[in-house]
Amino acid sequence: MTPTPTAAAPAQLPLLARTDGTDATSFGSSDLSSVSSLWSITVCRRARLTESWEIMKATIPGFGDDMIALAGDLKLRKQIQKGLNAARGDDAGSLKIGISAMLLPPPHAPVAGQPAIPAVTISPPIPDRGSKALRGFNHSVTASAMCPHKYPDTPATYEAIRDGDPNFPVLGTQFPRFMYASGQAVKHVYQGPSAALAGPGAHKGKAGNASINGLTELTKRAIAYVAMQVRFAMSSLAPDLGWCIHQAL
């Protein structure tokens, strides 16, 4: 639920600039709900960034003083942001390719004297690269994984969601079915793509992100990050179409 702005919020609304160059106070009455939502998002984002700042200070010795000292160096700030964006983009690109294998059930172990069980495949195949049009609720496999638990996992539900049926909204407050999978996506991001499809404890090659960054447990932020990346990898949306924090098909 979106928090209701406090009484002091209207005086601060000029901070929310419109794309046409006017500030938020010029919104008409029909835009008031949008202003309220934007203000709430801004407040939540400030709180989240402040919490992130405190975590970074506690994790990296001297981080706070170093960042404050470099606050006026615009070029370096852009380089730091570029590095952050690149790391996030690497994860997004890797999961776009690897997500199809995670949507398949694990292969059956061979049994002596028994015929091999054919591997399960996704039909129609989901392209690893290029357009994401055949993902999201446009494909039965990704639709099933993304479908909120509160709705029936049926083709009729997927169709209703695609058609924008108001009885079947897909919101960020709902838990989709993929949230209860085997943890392969977490291993993909924090240990590496090869570890994601291997058994517990299996790992080969160079150290993964978890080892490099000293991550010894899954925090709520780490889980949320992987969930967001997996959701985006399975969705039919491309980055330039505008990722919505409330919902995405």
Protein backbone atom coordinates (compact mmCIF):
# COMPACT_ATOMS: atom_id res chain seq x y z
CA MET A 1 0.00 0.00 0.00
CA THR A 2 1.32 3.44 -0.90
CA PRO A 3 1.81 5.56 2.25
CA THR A 4 -0.28 8.72 2.54
CA PRO A 5 1.88 11.89 2.36
CA THR A 6 2.19 13.87 5.56
CA ALA A 7 0.70 17.33 5.92
CA ALA A 8 4.12 18.88 5.30
CA ALA A 9 4.50 17.19 1.93
CA PRO A 10 2.74 19.81 -0.27
CA ALA A 11 5.29 22.46 0.69
CA GLN A 12 8.02 20.16 -0.61
CA LEU A 13 6.30 19.18 -3.86
CA PRO A 14 8.30 21.55 -6.13
CA LEU A 15 11.13 19.02 -5.69
CA LEU A 16 9.15 16.76 -8.03
CA ALA A 17 9.87 18.27 -11.43
CA ARG A 18 7.67 17.57 -14.41
CA THR A 19 9.17 16.69 -17.75
CA ASP A 20 7.61 19.79 -19.32
CA GLY A 21 9.72 22.04 -17.10
CA THR A 22 7.03 22.98 -14.57
CA ASP A 23 7.07 21.83 -10.97
CA ALA A 24 4.61 19.52 -9.29
CA THR A 25 2.56 22.38 -7.81
CA SER A 26 1.23 23.11 -11.29
CA PHE A 27 -0.55 19.74 -11.45
CA GLY A 28 -4.30 19.88 -11.92
CA SER A 29 -6.79 18.15 -9.65
CA SER A 30 -6.78 15.10 -11.89
CA ASP A 31 -3.05 14.70 -11.22
CA LEU A 32 -3.23 14.78 -7.43
CA SER A 33 -3.08 11.02 -7.07
CA SER A 34 0.02 10.94 -9.28
CA VAL A 35 1.68 13.64 -7.18
CA SER A 36 0.88 11.70 -4.01
CA SER A 37 2.37 8.54 -5.48
CA LEU A 38 5.50 10.35 -6.70
CA TRP A 39 6.01 11.99 -3.33
CA SER A 40 5.69 8.66 -1.51
CA ILE A 41 8.18 7.05 -3.90
CA THR A 42 10.64 9.90 -3.32
CA VAL A 43 10.38 9.57 0.47
CA CYS A 44 10.84 5.79 0.29
CA ARG A 45 13.79 6.16 -2.06
CA ARG A 46 15.48 8.66 0.27
CA ALA A 47 15.05 6.27 3.19
CA ARG A 48 16.41 3.35 1.16
CA LEU A 49 19.44 5.33 -0.02
CA THR A 50 20.16 6.50 3.52
CA GLU A 51 20.06 2.90 4.75
CA SER A 52 22.36 1.87 1.88
CA TRP A 53 24.79 4.64 2.85
CA GLU A 54 24.96 3.38 6.43
CA ILE A 55 25.51 -0.21 5.27
CA MET A 56 28.36 0.84 2.97
CA LYS A 57 30.00 2.87 5.75
CA ALA A 58 29.84 -0.12 8.08
CA THR A 59 31.21 -2.48 5.43
CA ILE A 60 34.02 -0.43 3.84
CA PRO A 61 36.55 1.29 6.14
CA GLY A 62 36.72 5.02 5.43
CA PHE A 63 33.90 4.90 2.88
CA GLY A 64 31.93 7.80 4.35
CA ASP A 65 34.88 10.19 4.60
CA ASP A 66 36.17 9.23 1.15
CA MET A 67 32.82 9.78 -0.54
CA ILE A 68 32.27 13.13 1.16
CA ALA A 69 35.76 14.24 0.15
CA LEU A 70 35.05 13.27 -3.46
CA ALA A 71 31.58 14.85 -3.57
CA GLY A 72 32.78 17.72 -5.74
CA ASP A 73 34.51 15.48 -8.29
CA LEU A 74 31.75 15.08 -10.86
CA LYS A 75 33.90 13.05 -13.24
CA LEU A 76 34.75 10.45 -10.59
CA ARG A 77 31.14 10.30 -9.41
CA LYS A 78 30.08 9.51 -12.96
CA GLN A 79 32.70 6.77 -13.16
CA ILE A 80 31.45 5.19 -9.92
CA GLN A 81 27.87 5.28 -11.18
CA LYS A 82 29.01 3.83 -14.51
CA GLY A 83 30.59 0.91 -12.65
CA LEU A 84 27.39 0.30 -10.67
CA ASN A 85 25.29 0.36 -13.83
CA ALA A 86 27.69 -2.01 -15.61
CA ALA A 87 27.58 -4.56 -12.78
CA ARG A 88 23.79 -4.51 -12.76
CA GLY A 89 23.74 -4.77 -16.56
CA ASP A 90 26.09 -7.76 -16.49
CA ASP A 91 23.72 -9.61 -14.16
CA ALA A 92 20.71 -8.70 -16.31
CA GLY A 93 22.39 -9.87 -19.51
CA SER A 94 23.63 -13.10 -17.95
CA LEU A 95 20.23 -13.98 -16.50
CA LYS A 96 18.49 -13.19 -19.78
CA ILE A 97 20.55 -15.98 -21.33
CA GLY A 98 20.48 -18.38 -18.38
CA ILE A 99 16.90 -18.08 -17.18
CA SER A 100 15.50 -20.61 -19.67
CA ALA A 101 17.57 -23.44 -18.18
CA MET A 102 16.36 -22.54 -14.68
CA LEU A 103 12.74 -22.82 -15.78
CA LEU A 104 13.25 -26.48 -16.64
CA PRO A 105 12.98 -29.28 -14.05
CA PRO A 106 16.34 -30.82 -13.09
CA PRO A 107 17.35 -33.77 -15.30
CA HIS A 108 16.67 -37.26 -13.97
CA ALA A 109 19.69 -39.21 -12.76
CA PRO A 110 20.36 -42.28 -14.93
CA VAL A 111 19.24 -45.60 -13.46
CA ALA A 112 21.20 -48.75 -14.30
CA GLY A 113 19.25 -51.06 -16.57
CA GLN A 114 16.55 -48.48 -17.24
CA PRO A 115 16.10 -46.48 -20.46
CA ALA A 116 17.16 -42.86 -20.24
CA ILE A 117 14.37 -40.39 -19.61
CA PRO A 118 14.29 -37.72 -22.35
CA ALA A 119 15.21 -34.24 -21.21
CA VAL A 120 12.34 -31.78 -20.91
CA THR A 121 12.42 -28.84 -23.30
CA ILE A 122 10.57 -25.52 -23.45
CA SER A 123 8.13 -25.26 -26.35
CA PRO A 124 8.15 -22.95 -28.13
CA PRO A 125 11.81 -22.19 -27.33
CA ILE A 126 12.57 -18.88 -25.61
CA PRO A 127 15.31 -17.03 -27.53
CA ASP A 128 18.33 -16.28 -25.35
CA ARG A 129 19.11 -13.07 -27.21
CA GLY A 130 17.27 -10.35 -29.06
CA SER A 131 13.63 -9.49 -28.51
CA LYS A 132 11.94 -10.42 -25.23
CA ALA A 133 8.51 -10.53 -26.85
CA LEU A 134 8.17 -14.29 -26.25
CA ARG A 135 8.52 -13.94 -22.49
CA GLY A 136 6.39 -12.68 -19.65
CA PHE A 137 2.71 -13.55 -19.93
CA ASN A 138 3.16 -14.18 -23.65
CA HIS A 139 4.69 -17.63 -22.96
CA SER A 140 3.06 -20.31 -20.81
CA VAL A 141 6.30 -21.25 -19.00
CA THR A 142 7.36 -17.74 -17.95
CA ALA A 143 3.72 -16.83 -17.31
CA SER A 144 3.41 -19.69 -14.84
CA ALA A 145 6.57 -18.61 -13.02
CA MET A 146 5.49 -14.96 -12.86
CA CYS A 147 1.85 -15.59 -11.96
CA PRO A 148 1.06 -14.42 -8.40
CA HIS A 149 0.20 -17.25 -6.00
CA LYS A 150 -3.20 -15.73 -5.26
CA TYR A 151 -4.38 -16.37 -8.84
CA PRO A 152 -5.10 -19.73 -10.53
CA ASP A 153 -2.11 -20.85 -12.56
CA THR A 154 -4.06 -21.29 -15.80
CA PRO A 155 -3.97 -20.01 -19.41
CA ALA A 156 -7.20 -18.11 -18.68
CA THR A 157 -5.39 -16.18 -15.93
CA TYR A 158 -2.48 -15.34 -18.24
CA GLU A 159 -4.92 -14.06 -20.87
CA ALA A 160 -6.75 -11.91 -18.32
CA ILE A 161 -3.46 -10.39 -17.17
CA ARG A 162 -2.37 -9.70 -20.76
CA ASP A 163 -5.72 -8.03 -21.44
CA GLY A 164 -5.38 -5.78 -18.40
CA ASP A 165 -8.34 -7.28 -16.54
CA PRO A 166 -8.75 -5.14 -13.37
CA ASN A 167 -9.56 -8.31 -11.43
CA PHE A 168 -6.06 -9.62 -12.09
CA PRO A 169 -3.57 -6.83 -11.35
CA VAL A 170 0.08 -7.87 -11.09
CA LEU A 171 1.76 -5.82 -8.37
CA GLY A 172 5.13 -5.66 -6.67
CA THR A 173 3.44 -6.51 -3.36
CA GLN A 174 2.46 -9.98 -4.61
CA PHE A 175 4.68 -13.05 -4.48
CA PRO A 176 5.02 -14.77 -7.87
CA ARG A 177 5.54 -18.51 -8.09
CA PHE A 178 9.19 -18.27 -9.05
CA MET A 179 10.00 -16.92 -5.57
CA TYR A 180 9.64 -20.45 -4.22
CA ALA A 181 11.96 -22.18 -6.68
CA SER A 182 15.24 -23.97 -5.99
CA GLY A 183 17.50 -20.96 -5.47
CA GLN A 184 19.24 -21.37 -8.82
CA ALA A 185 19.05 -17.66 -9.63
CA VAL A 186 20.73 -16.73 -6.35
CA LYS A 187 23.58 -19.12 -7.14
CA HIS A 188 23.76 -17.75 -10.70
CA VAL A 189 24.32 -14.18 -9.47
CA TYR A 190 26.44 -14.82 -6.37
CA GLN A 191 28.39 -17.97 -7.32
CA GLY A 192 28.28 -18.05 -11.10
CA PRO A 193 26.19 -19.44 -13.97
CA SER A 194 27.84 -22.88 -13.84
CA ALA A 195 27.04 -23.28 -10.13
CA ALA A 196 23.36 -22.48 -10.71
CA LEU A 197 22.67 -25.75 -12.49
CA ALA A 198 24.95 -27.91 -10.33
CA GLY A 199 24.22 -29.65 -7.04
CA PRO A 200 24.55 -28.13 -3.55
CA GLY A 201 28.10 -27.02 -2.76
CA ALA A 202 29.30 -27.47 -6.35
CA HIS A 203 31.46 -24.69 -7.74
CA LYS A 204 34.27 -24.47 -10.23
CA GLY A 205 36.30 -21.75 -11.89
CA LYS A 206 37.05 -18.33 -10.46
CA ALA A 207 35.59 -16.98 -7.25
CA GLY A 208 32.01 -15.76 -7.49
CA ASN A 209 30.57 -12.40 -6.47
CA ALA A 210 29.73 -13.65 -2.98
CA SER A 211 33.32 -14.74 -2.31
CA ILE A 212 34.84 -11.59 -3.82
CA ASN A 213 32.62 -9.32 -1.72
CA GLY A 214 32.73 -11.34 1.50
CA LEU A 215 29.02 -12.20 1.38
CA THR A 216 28.42 -15.02 3.85
CA GLU A 217 24.65 -14.80 4.18
CA LEU A 218 21.67 -13.72 2.11
CA THR A 219 20.36 -10.38 3.31
CA LYS A 220 16.91 -9.07 2.46
CA ARG A 221 18.53 -6.70 -0.02
CA ALA A 222 20.40 -9.53 -1.73
CA ILE A 223 17.20 -11.54 -2.09
CA ALA A 224 15.28 -8.51 -3.40
CA TYR A 225 18.02 -7.78 -5.94
CA VAL A 226 17.96 -11.31 -7.37
CA ALA A 227 14.15 -11.37 -7.40
CA MET A 228 14.10 -8.10 -9.35
CA GLN A 229 16.67 -9.36 -11.85
CA VAL A 230 14.85 -12.67 -12.37
CA ARG A 231 11.53 -10.89 -12.77
CA PHE A 232 13.05 -8.64 -15.42
CA ALA A 233 14.75 -11.56 -17.20
CA MET A 234 11.44 -13.41 -17.51
CA SER A 235 9.36 -10.36 -18.41
CA SER A 236 8.60 -9.22 -21.94
CA LEU A 237 9.78 -5.69 -21.18
CA ALA A 238 12.99 -4.24 -22.56
CA PRO A 239 15.03 -1.66 -20.57
CA ASP A 240 14.12 1.20 -22.90
CA LEU A 241 10.39 0.61 -22.42
CA GLY A 242 10.50 1.85 -18.85
CA TRP A 243 10.68 -0.52 -15.88
CA CYS A 244 7.78 0.11 -13.52
CA ILE A 245 8.34 -0.40 -9.80
CA HIS A 246 4.69 -1.36 -9.34
CA GLN A 247 4.25 -4.00 -12.00
CA ALA A 248 5.81 -5.42 -15.15
CA LEU A 249 4.63 -7.93 -17.69
